[in-house]
Amino acid sequence: MRRRGTDPISRVLSWMAIAVIGLPIIALIVKVPWSTFFVSIKGDGSLTAVKLSLWTSVLAAIICLVLGVPLAWWLTRSSNRISNIVRPIVLAPIALPPTVAGLALLGLLDRKGLLGQPIYKAFNWQMPFTVYAVIFAGVFVGLPFLVLVTESNFRQLPKDIEDAAVIDRASDGQLFRLIAIPQSQSGIVTGLVLAWARILGEFGATMMFAGSLPGTTQTWTMQIYQELDISPQTAYALSLLMVLIAVSVIFFLRRPLRESFKS
């Protein structure tokens, strides 16, 4: 049966919404200095910042995977009374303003923080303004995305498969490792890539918690912010690369994303 169209008002509002999102991206593309594009992104500072962002974001995403998949499974299997309390806390970084997220990380791990103070007294070391802070901030902002998508996939597991596993006397661990994870592989990968993309684009929390030390904690987004005053051409060139990554991630995940959140 032929799919019905939309009413005129919905079409107009839809195109307005597309314009709100699309026009800034088009403006960014127009402003990119194409004649010096490769020269702009090959500067020592730019390359160092990009490399730092890439390896720290990948490492943070792996940590999110190791921690987030079991957490998503636990939320799926736990009672509503518990999960209804824990889930909002786990997903809170999605809605937190970046400055609040950064302040929360400082409150936990700086030399006077809840955990940072005993660590500093014992080892004379603090995490803030080190590369470890970049990674930790990435895990903090990226983990909720992986948990959100993965838990949604776990909840869609066919009940008959689980029942068959129970009949075969599969343990809880076997049910998780041999059935839940393989059956939800696509959703887990989708959550992982979304978490990585979020980590790669993080700015505010990382700026407050890790600072912007060239070669140490100055990430891709911080380099863009710095170059906006020094060399706007470089800022636009680096920004375009991020736009291309963002668009590519959503394009290749468009089908898994629809599957992950279908009812």
C-alpha atoms as a PDB file:
ATOM      1  CA  MET A   1       0.000   0.000   0.000  1.00  0.00           C
ATOM      2  CA  ARG A   2       1.301   3.427  -0.932  1.00  0.00           C
ATOM      3  CA  ARG A   3       2.457   5.466   2.049  1.00  0.00           C
ATOM      4  CA  ARG A   4       0.391   8.595   2.589  1.00  0.00           C
ATOM      5  CA  GLY A   5       2.023  12.014   2.568  1.00  0.00           C
ATOM      6  CA  THR A   6       2.001  14.787   5.141  1.00  0.00           C
ATOM      7  CA  ASP A   7      -0.169  17.860   5.461  1.00  0.00           C
ATOM      8  CA  PRO A   8       1.114  21.269   4.206  1.00  0.00           C
ATOM      9  CA  ILE A   9       1.721  22.679   7.702  1.00  0.00           C
ATOM     10  CA  SER A  10       3.845  19.684   8.703  1.00  0.00           C
ATOM     11  CA  ARG A  11       5.858  19.996   5.482  1.00  0.00           C
ATOM     12  CA  VAL A  12       6.547  23.697   6.081  1.00  0.00           C
ATOM     13  CA  LEU A  13       7.563  23.129   9.695  1.00  0.00           C
ATOM     14  CA  SER A  14       9.726  20.176   8.662  1.00  0.00           C
ATOM     15  CA  TRP A  15      11.626  22.258   6.135  1.00  0.00           C
ATOM     16  CA  MET A  16      12.056  25.002   8.726  1.00  0.00           C
ATOM     17  CA  ALA A  17      13.555  22.443  11.104  1.00  0.00           C
ATOM     18  CA  ILE A  18      15.875  21.168   8.364  1.00  0.00           C
ATOM     19  CA  ALA A  19      16.972  24.743   7.659  1.00  0.00           C
ATOM     20  CA  VAL A  20      17.742  25.399  11.334  1.00  0.00           C
ATOM     21  CA  ILE A  21      20.146  22.444  11.335  1.00  0.00           C
ATOM     22  CA  GLY A  22      21.336  22.430   7.753  1.00  0.00           C
ATOM     23  CA  LEU A  23      22.062  26.109   7.091  1.00  0.00           C
ATOM     24  CA  PRO A  24      24.760  26.470   9.795  1.00  0.00           C
ATOM     25  CA  ILE A  25      26.502  23.401   8.388  1.00  0.00           C
ATOM     26  CA  ILE A  26      26.288  24.834   4.869  1.00  0.00           C
ATOM     27  CA  ALA A  27      27.658  28.146   6.169  1.00  0.00           C
ATOM     28  CA  LEU A  28      30.575  26.318   7.745  1.00  0.00           C
ATOM     29  CA  ILE A  29      31.360  24.561   4.473  1.00  0.00           C
ATOM     30  CA  VAL A  30      31.219  27.863   2.588  1.00  0.00           C
ATOM     31  CA  LYS A  31      33.606  29.506   5.052  1.00  0.00           C
ATOM     32  CA  VAL A  32      36.238  26.781   4.758  1.00  0.00           C
ATOM     33  CA  PRO A  33      39.363  28.113   2.953  1.00  0.00           C
ATOM     34  CA  TRP A  34      39.635  25.333   0.386  1.00  0.00           C
ATOM     35  CA  SER A  35      42.823  26.695  -1.177  1.00  0.00           C
ATOM     36  CA  THR A  36      44.689  26.280   2.118  1.00  0.00           C
ATOM     37  CA  PHE A  37      42.597  23.479   3.611  1.00  0.00           C
ATOM     38  CA  PHE A  38      45.313  20.824   3.861  1.00  0.00           C
ATOM     39  CA  VAL A  39      47.947  23.328   4.941  1.00  0.00           C
ATOM     40  CA  SER A  40      45.647  24.475   7.752  1.00  0.00           C
ATOM     41  CA  ILE A  41      45.066  21.018   9.197  1.00  0.00           C
ATOM     42  CA  LYS A  42      48.701  19.933   8.877  1.00  0.00           C
ATOM     43  CA  GLY A  43      50.040  22.460  11.360  1.00  0.00           C
ATOM     44  CA  ASP A  44      51.981  20.944  14.238  1.00  0.00           C
ATOM     45  CA  GLY A  45      49.504  22.112  16.855  1.00  0.00           C
ATOM     46  CA  SER A  46      46.516  20.904  14.865  1.00  0.00           C
ATOM     47  CA  LEU A  47      47.940  17.466  14.159  1.00  0.00           C
ATOM     48  CA  THR A  48      48.985  17.000  17.776  1.00  0.00           C
ATOM     49  CA  ALA A  49      45.514  17.937  19.011  1.00  0.00           C
ATOM     50  CA  VAL A  50      43.809  15.662  16.489  1.00  0.00           C
ATOM     51  CA  LYS A  51      46.053  12.714  17.371  1.00  0.00           C
ATOM     52  CA  LEU A  52      45.476  13.282  21.084  1.00  0.00           C
ATOM     53  CA  SER A  53      41.710  13.377  20.583  1.00  0.00           C
ATOM     54  CA  LEU A  54      41.697  10.254  18.448  1.00  0.00           C
ATOM     55  CA  TRP A  55      43.647   7.973  20.763  1.00  0.00           C
ATOM     56  CA  THR A  56      42.089   9.257  23.993  1.00  0.00           C
ATOM     57  CA  SER A  57      38.569   9.034  22.541  1.00  0.00           C
ATOM     58  CA  VAL A  58      39.174   5.470  21.329  1.00  0.00           C
ATOM     59  CA  LEU A  59      40.541   4.433  24.730  1.00  0.00           C
ATOM     60  CA  ALA A  60      37.644   6.117  26.542  1.00  0.00           C
ATOM     61  CA  ALA A  61      35.163   4.406  24.200  1.00  0.00           C
ATOM     62  CA  ILE A  62      36.727   1.009  24.954  1.00  0.00           C
ATOM     63  CA  ILE A  63      36.353   1.683  28.684  1.00  0.00           C
ATOM     64  CA  CYS A  64      32.727   2.648  28.045  1.00  0.00           C
ATOM     65  CA  LEU A  65      32.240  -0.665  26.256  1.00  0.00           C
ATOM     66  CA  VAL A  66      33.765  -2.712  29.068  1.00  0.00           C
ATOM     67  CA  LEU A  67      31.723  -0.950  31.750  1.00  0.00           C
ATOM     68  CA  GLY A  68      28.587  -0.010  29.838  1.00  0.00           C
ATOM     69  CA  VAL A  69      27.487  -3.353  28.387  1.00  0.00           C
ATOM     70  CA  PRO A  70      27.355  -5.116  31.788  1.00  0.00           C
ATOM     71  CA  LEU A  71      25.647  -2.047  33.271  1.00  0.00           C
ATOM     72  CA  ALA A  72      23.005  -2.053  30.529  1.00  0.00           C
ATOM     73  CA  TRP A  73      22.378  -5.762  31.142  1.00  0.00           C
ATOM     74  CA  TRP A  74      22.126  -5.203  34.891  1.00  0.00           C
ATOM     75  CA  LEU A  75      19.605  -2.408  34.367  1.00  0.00           C
ATOM     76  CA  THR A  76      17.609  -4.730  32.126  1.00  0.00           C
ATOM     77  CA  ARG A  77      17.545  -7.536  34.699  1.00  0.00           C
ATOM     78  CA  SER A  78      17.202  -5.543  37.912  1.00  0.00           C
ATOM     79  CA  SER A  79      13.907  -4.694  39.539  1.00  0.00           C
ATOM     80  CA  ASN A  80      12.104  -1.528  38.506  1.00  0.00           C
ATOM     81  CA  ARG A  81      12.491  -0.141  42.013  1.00  0.00           C
ATOM     82  CA  ILE A  82      16.270  -0.207  41.670  1.00  0.00           C
ATOM     83  CA  SER A  83      16.626   0.596  37.979  1.00  0.00           C
ATOM     84  CA  ASN A  84      14.263   3.567  38.224  1.00  0.00           C
ATOM     85  CA  ILE A  85      16.678   5.113  40.715  1.00  0.00           C
ATOM     86  CA  VAL A  86      19.967   4.151  39.060  1.00  0.00           C
ATOM     87  CA  ARG A  87      19.036   4.816  35.416  1.00  0.00           C
ATOM     88  CA  PRO A  88      18.455   8.592  35.785  1.00  0.00           C
ATOM     89  CA  ILE A  89      21.809   8.915  37.531  1.00  0.00           C
ATOM     90  CA  VAL A  90      23.604   6.950  34.800  1.00  0.00           C
ATOM     91  CA  LEU A  91      21.965   8.964  32.015  1.00  0.00           C
ATOM     92  CA  ALA A  92      22.305  12.352  33.756  1.00  0.00           C
ATOM     93  CA  PRO A  93      25.499  13.401  31.880  1.00  0.00           C
ATOM     94  CA  ILE A  94      23.459  13.492  28.663  1.00  0.00           C
ATOM     95  CA  ALA A  95      21.459  16.429  30.039  1.00  0.00           C
ATOM     96  CA  LEU A  96      24.088  18.058  32.257  1.00  0.00           C
ATOM     97  CA  PRO A  97      25.566  21.384  31.082  1.00  0.00           C
ATOM     98  CA  PRO A  98      29.257  20.850  30.248  1.00  0.00           C
ATOM     99  CA  THR A  99      30.406  23.269  32.951  1.00  0.00           C
ATOM    100  CA  VAL A 100      28.402  21.394  35.584  1.00  0.00           C
ATOM    101  CA  ALA A 101      29.863  18.087  34.373  1.00  0.00           C
ATOM    102  CA  GLY A 102      33.374  19.514  34.604  1.00  0.00           C
ATOM    103  CA  LEU A 103      32.732  20.892  38.061  1.00  0.00           C
ATOM    104  CA  ALA A 104      31.372  17.526  39.190  1.00  0.00           C
ATOM    105  CA  LEU A 105      34.550  15.811  37.990  1.00  0.00           C
ATOM    106  CA  LEU A 106      36.685  18.361  39.803  1.00  0.00           C
ATOM    107  CA  GLY A 107      34.623  17.907  42.950  1.00  0.00           C
ATOM    108  CA  LEU A 108      35.371  14.207  42.815  1.00  0.00           C
ATOM    109  CA  LEU A 109      39.009  14.063  41.739  1.00  0.00           C
ATOM    110  CA  ASP A 110      40.896  17.305  42.306  1.00  0.00           C
ATOM    111  CA  ARG A 111      43.334  17.444  45.239  1.00  0.00           C
ATOM    112  CA  LYS A 112      40.533  18.529  47.582  1.00  0.00           C
ATOM    113  CA  GLY A 113      37.883  16.316  46.011  1.00  0.00           C
ATOM    114  CA  LEU A 114      35.887  13.488  47.486  1.00  0.00           C
ATOM    115  CA  LEU A 115      38.265  10.834  46.117  1.00  0.00           C
ATOM    116  CA  GLY A 116      41.016  13.132  44.926  1.00  0.00           C
ATOM    117  CA  GLN A 117      42.019  14.260  48.393  1.00  0.00           C
ATOM    118  CA  PRO A 118      42.901  10.810  49.786  1.00  0.00           C
ATOM    119  CA  ILE A 119      44.572   9.915  46.478  1.00  0.00           C
ATOM    120  CA  TYR A 120      46.660  13.095  46.596  1.00  0.00           C
ATOM    121  CA  LYS A 121      47.646  12.514  50.215  1.00  0.00           C
ATOM    122  CA  ALA A 122      48.645   8.915  49.526  1.00  0.00           C
ATOM    123  CA  PHE A 123      50.446   9.317  46.204  1.00  0.00           C
ATOM    124  CA  ASN A 124      51.033  13.081  45.838  1.00  0.00           C
ATOM    125  CA  TRP A 125      49.222  12.890  42.479  1.00  0.00           C
ATOM    126  CA  GLN A 126      46.019  14.341  41.121  1.00  0.00           C
ATOM    127  CA  MET A 127      44.158  13.525  37.923  1.00  0.00           C
ATOM    128  CA  PRO A 128      42.949  16.988  36.803  1.00  0.00           C
ATOM    129  CA  PHE A 129      44.957  18.660  34.037  1.00  0.00           C
ATOM    130  CA  THR A 130      46.559  15.417  32.909  1.00  0.00           C
ATOM    131  CA  VAL A 131      45.828  13.231  29.901  1.00  0.00           C
ATOM    132  CA  TYR A 132      44.053  10.838  32.272  1.00  0.00           C
ATOM    133  CA  ALA A 133      41.546  13.595  32.944  1.00  0.00           C
ATOM    134  CA  VAL A 134      40.816  13.799  29.213  1.00  0.00           C
ATOM    135  CA  ILE A 135      40.085  10.062  29.160  1.00  0.00           C
ATOM    136  CA  PHE A 136      38.010  10.106  32.362  1.00  0.00           C
ATOM    137  CA  ALA A 137      35.929  13.047  31.126  1.00  0.00           C
ATOM    138  CA  GLY A 138      35.359  11.148  27.898  1.00  0.00           C
ATOM    139  CA  VAL A 139      34.096   8.101  29.767  1.00  0.00           C
ATOM    140  CA  PHE A 140      31.813  10.293  31.878  1.00  0.00           C
ATOM    141  CA  VAL A 141      30.090  11.896  28.880  1.00  0.00           C
ATOM    142  CA  GLY A 142      30.174   8.866  26.561  1.00  0.00           C
ATOM    143  CA  LEU A 143      29.087   6.026  28.834  1.00  0.00           C
ATOM    144  CA  PRO A 144      25.405   7.084  29.059  1.00  0.00           C
ATOM    145  CA  PHE A 145      24.995   6.900  25.281  1.00  0.00           C
ATOM    146  CA  LEU A 146      26.280   3.350  25.115  1.00  0.00           C
ATOM    147  CA  VAL A 147      24.132   2.286  28.063  1.00  0.00           C
ATOM    148  CA  LEU A 148      21.006   3.902  26.609  1.00  0.00           C
ATOM    149  CA  VAL A 149      21.264   2.160  23.236  1.00  0.00           C
ATOM    150  CA  THR A 150      22.478  -1.176  24.596  1.00  0.00           C
ATOM    151  CA  GLU A 151      19.794  -1.431  27.269  1.00  0.00           C
ATOM    152  CA  SER A 152      17.141  -0.727  24.636  1.00  0.00           C
ATOM    153  CA  ASN A 153      18.504  -3.612  22.554  1.00  0.00           C
ATOM    154  CA  PHE A 154      18.685  -5.971  25.508  1.00  0.00           C
ATOM    155  CA  ARG A 155      15.022  -5.294  26.257  1.00  0.00           C
ATOM    156  CA  GLN A 156      14.117  -6.348  22.707  1.00  0.00           C
ATOM    157  CA  LEU A 157      15.640  -9.824  23.036  1.00  0.00           C
ATOM    158  CA  PRO A 158      13.119 -12.482  21.959  1.00  0.00           C
ATOM    159  CA  LYS A 159      11.544 -14.030  25.037  1.00  0.00           C
ATOM    160  CA  ASP A 160      11.490 -17.496  23.487  1.00  0.00           C
ATOM    161  CA  ILE A 161      15.290 -17.515  23.133  1.00  0.00           C
ATOM    162  CA  GLU A 162      15.727 -16.661  26.789  1.00  0.00           C
ATOM    163  CA  ASP A 163      13.165 -19.274  27.801  1.00  0.00           C
ATOM    164  CA  ALA A 164      15.001 -21.903  25.752  1.00  0.00           C
ATOM    165  CA  ALA A 165      18.279 -20.985  27.466  1.00  0.00           C
ATOM    166  CA  VAL A 166      16.643 -21.322  30.881  1.00  0.00           C
ATOM    167  CA  ILE A 167      15.270 -24.743  29.937  1.00  0.00           C
ATOM    168  CA  ASP A 168      18.786 -25.761  28.885  1.00  0.00           C
ATOM    169  CA  ARG A 169      19.964 -24.658  32.339  1.00  0.00           C
ATOM    170  CA  ALA A 170      22.125 -21.817  31.119  1.00  0.00           C
ATOM    171  CA  SER A 171      23.589 -19.777  33.965  1.00  0.00           C
ATOM    172  CA  ASP A 172      23.076 -16.025  34.238  1.00  0.00           C
ATOM    173  CA  GLY A 173      26.597 -15.481  32.972  1.00  0.00           C
ATOM    174  CA  GLN A 174      26.077 -17.775  29.974  1.00  0.00           C
ATOM    175  CA  LEU A 175      22.810 -16.043  29.171  1.00  0.00           C
ATOM    176  CA  PHE A 176      24.649 -12.723  29.119  1.00  0.00           C
ATOM    177  CA  ARG A 177      27.780 -13.814  27.244  1.00  0.00           C
ATOM    178  CA  LEU A 178      26.394 -16.390  24.812  1.00  0.00           C
ATOM    179  CA  ILE A 179      22.921 -15.069  24.066  1.00  0.00           C
ATOM    180  CA  ALA A 180      22.357 -11.438  25.063  1.00  0.00           C
ATOM    181  CA  ILE A 181      25.609 -10.025  23.663  1.00  0.00           C
ATOM    182  CA  PRO A 182      25.559 -11.893  20.302  1.00  0.00           C
ATOM    183  CA  GLN A 183      21.858 -11.118  19.800  1.00  0.00           C
ATOM    184  CA  SER A 184      22.445  -7.415  20.565  1.00  0.00           C
ATOM    185  CA  GLN A 185      25.753  -7.048  18.744  1.00  0.00           C
ATOM    186  CA  SER A 186      24.457  -4.454  16.285  1.00  0.00           C
ATOM    187  CA  GLY A 187      23.016  -2.309  19.064  1.00  0.00           C
ATOM    188  CA  ILE A 188      26.196  -2.532  21.113  1.00  0.00           C
ATOM    189  CA  VAL A 189      28.291  -1.395  18.157  1.00  0.00           C
ATOM    190  CA  THR A 190      25.843   1.444  17.516  1.00  0.00           C
ATOM    191  CA  GLY A 191      26.076   2.574  21.133  1.00  0.00           C
ATOM    192  CA  LEU A 192      29.856   2.300  21.036  1.00  0.00           C
ATOM    193  CA  VAL A 193      30.190   4.465  17.938  1.00  0.00           C
ATOM    194  CA  LEU A 194      27.763   7.054  19.304  1.00  0.00           C
ATOM    195  CA  ALA A 195      29.711   7.155  22.571  1.00  0.00           C
ATOM    196  CA  TRP A 196      32.974   7.566  20.663  1.00  0.00           C
ATOM    197  CA  ALA A 197      31.553  10.405  18.558  1.00  0.00           C
ATOM    198  CA  ARG A 198      30.280  12.150  21.691  1.00  0.00           C
ATOM    199  CA  ILE A 199      33.659  11.750  23.378  1.00  0.00           C
ATOM    200  CA  LEU A 200      35.514  13.053  20.334  1.00  0.00           C
ATOM    201  CA  GLY A 201      33.418  16.214  20.282  1.00  0.00           C
ATOM    202  CA  GLU A 202      33.545  16.897  24.025  1.00  0.00           C
ATOM    203  CA  PHE A 203      34.708  20.377  25.015  1.00  0.00           C
ATOM    204  CA  GLY A 204      33.283  21.998  28.152  1.00  0.00           C
ATOM    205  CA  ALA A 205      33.737  19.264  30.746  1.00  0.00           C
ATOM    206  CA  THR A 206      37.205  18.432  29.432  1.00  0.00           C
ATOM    207  CA  MET A 207      38.219  22.087  29.413  1.00  0.00           C
ATOM    208  CA  MET A 208      37.291  22.466  33.092  1.00  0.00           C
ATOM    209  CA  PHE A 209      38.655  19.123  34.244  1.00  0.00           C
ATOM    210  CA  ALA A 210      41.721  18.663  32.046  1.00  0.00           C
ATOM    211  CA  GLY A 211      42.529  22.174  30.881  1.00  0.00           C
ATOM    212  CA  SER A 212      44.004  22.969  27.496  1.00  0.00           C
ATOM    213  CA  LEU A 213      47.716  22.275  27.736  1.00  0.00           C
ATOM    214  CA  PRO A 214      49.293  22.022  24.236  1.00  0.00           C
ATOM    215  CA  GLY A 215      50.548  18.512  23.571  1.00  0.00           C
ATOM    216  CA  THR A 216      49.113  17.167  26.821  1.00  0.00           C
ATOM    217  CA  THR A 217      45.402  17.919  27.216  1.00  0.00           C
ATOM    218  CA  GLN A 218      44.610  20.235  24.307  1.00  0.00           C
ATOM    219  CA  THR A 219      42.085  18.234  22.300  1.00  0.00           C
ATOM    220  CA  TRP A 220      40.707  18.747  18.812  1.00  0.00           C
ATOM    221  CA  THR A 221      37.789  20.902  19.960  1.00  0.00           C
ATOM    222  CA  MET A 222      40.030  23.022  22.170  1.00  0.00           C
ATOM    223  CA  GLN A 223      42.398  23.543  19.259  1.00  0.00           C
ATOM    224  CA  ILE A 224      39.453  24.823  17.196  1.00  0.00           C
ATOM    225  CA  TYR A 225      38.536  27.240  19.974  1.00  0.00           C
ATOM    226  CA  GLN A 226      42.116  28.523  20.181  1.00  0.00           C
ATOM    227  CA  GLU A 227      42.549  28.830  16.427  1.00  0.00           C
ATOM    228  CA  LEU A 228      39.385  30.921  16.149  1.00  0.00           C
ATOM    229  CA  ASP A 229      41.384  33.871  17.519  1.00  0.00           C
ATOM    230  CA  ILE A 230      44.733  32.991  15.979  1.00  0.00           C
ATOM    231  CA  SER A 231      43.829  31.529  12.583  1.00  0.00           C
ATOM    232  CA  PRO A 232      40.107  31.358  11.719  1.00  0.00           C
ATOM    233  CA  GLN A 233      40.971  29.488   8.518  1.00  0.00           C
ATOM    234  CA  THR A 234      42.451  26.636  10.550  1.00  0.00           C
ATOM    235  CA  ALA A 235      39.451  26.669  12.900  1.00  0.00           C
ATOM    236  CA  TYR A 236      37.041  26.279   9.972  1.00  0.00           C
ATOM    237  CA  ALA A 237      39.139  23.523   8.393  1.00  0.00           C
ATOM    238  CA  LEU A 238      39.331  21.522  11.635  1.00  0.00           C
ATOM    239  CA  SER A 239      35.607  22.072  12.221  1.00  0.00           C
ATOM    240  CA  LEU A 240      34.752  20.707   8.794  1.00  0.00           C
ATOM    241  CA  LEU A 241      36.591  17.483   9.592  1.00  0.00           C
ATOM    242  CA  MET A 242      34.450  17.100  12.700  1.00  0.00           C
ATOM    243  CA  VAL A 243      31.280  17.734  10.712  1.00  0.00           C
ATOM    244  CA  LEU A 244      32.290  15.060   8.210  1.00  0.00           C
ATOM    245  CA  ILE A 245      32.857  12.572  11.036  1.00  0.00           C
ATOM    246  CA  ALA A 246      29.513  13.409  12.654  1.00  0.00           C
ATOM    247  CA  VAL A 247      27.564  13.115   9.407  1.00  0.00           C
ATOM    248  CA  SER A 248      29.359   9.881   8.487  1.00  0.00           C
ATOM    249  CA  VAL A 249      28.612   8.314  11.882  1.00  0.00           C
ATOM    250  CA  ILE A 250      24.890   9.094  11.678  1.00  0.00           C
ATOM    251  CA  PHE A 251      24.704   8.038   8.021  1.00  0.00           C
ATOM    252  CA  PHE A 252      26.227   4.612   8.600  1.00  0.00           C
ATOM    253  CA  LEU A 253      24.243   4.068  11.801  1.00  0.00           C
ATOM    254  CA  ARG A 254      20.890   5.235  10.468  1.00  0.00           C
ATOM    255  CA  ARG A 255      19.413   1.725  10.208  1.00  0.00           C
ATOM    256  CA  PRO A 256      20.796   0.381  13.529  1.00  0.00           C
ATOM    257  CA  LEU A 257      19.554   3.523  15.271  1.00  0.00           C
ATOM    258  CA  ARG A 258      16.034   2.966  13.969  1.00  0.00           C
ATOM    259  CA  GLU A 259      16.185  -0.657  15.090  1.00  0.00           C
ATOM    260  CA  SER A 260      17.572   0.246  18.512  1.00  0.00           C
ATOM    261  CA  PHE A 261      14.680   2.497  19.445  1.00  0.00           C
ATOM    262  CA  LYS A 262      11.777   0.791  17.743  1.00  0.00           C
ATOM    263  CA  SER A 263       8.946  -0.194  20.014  1.00  0.00           C
END
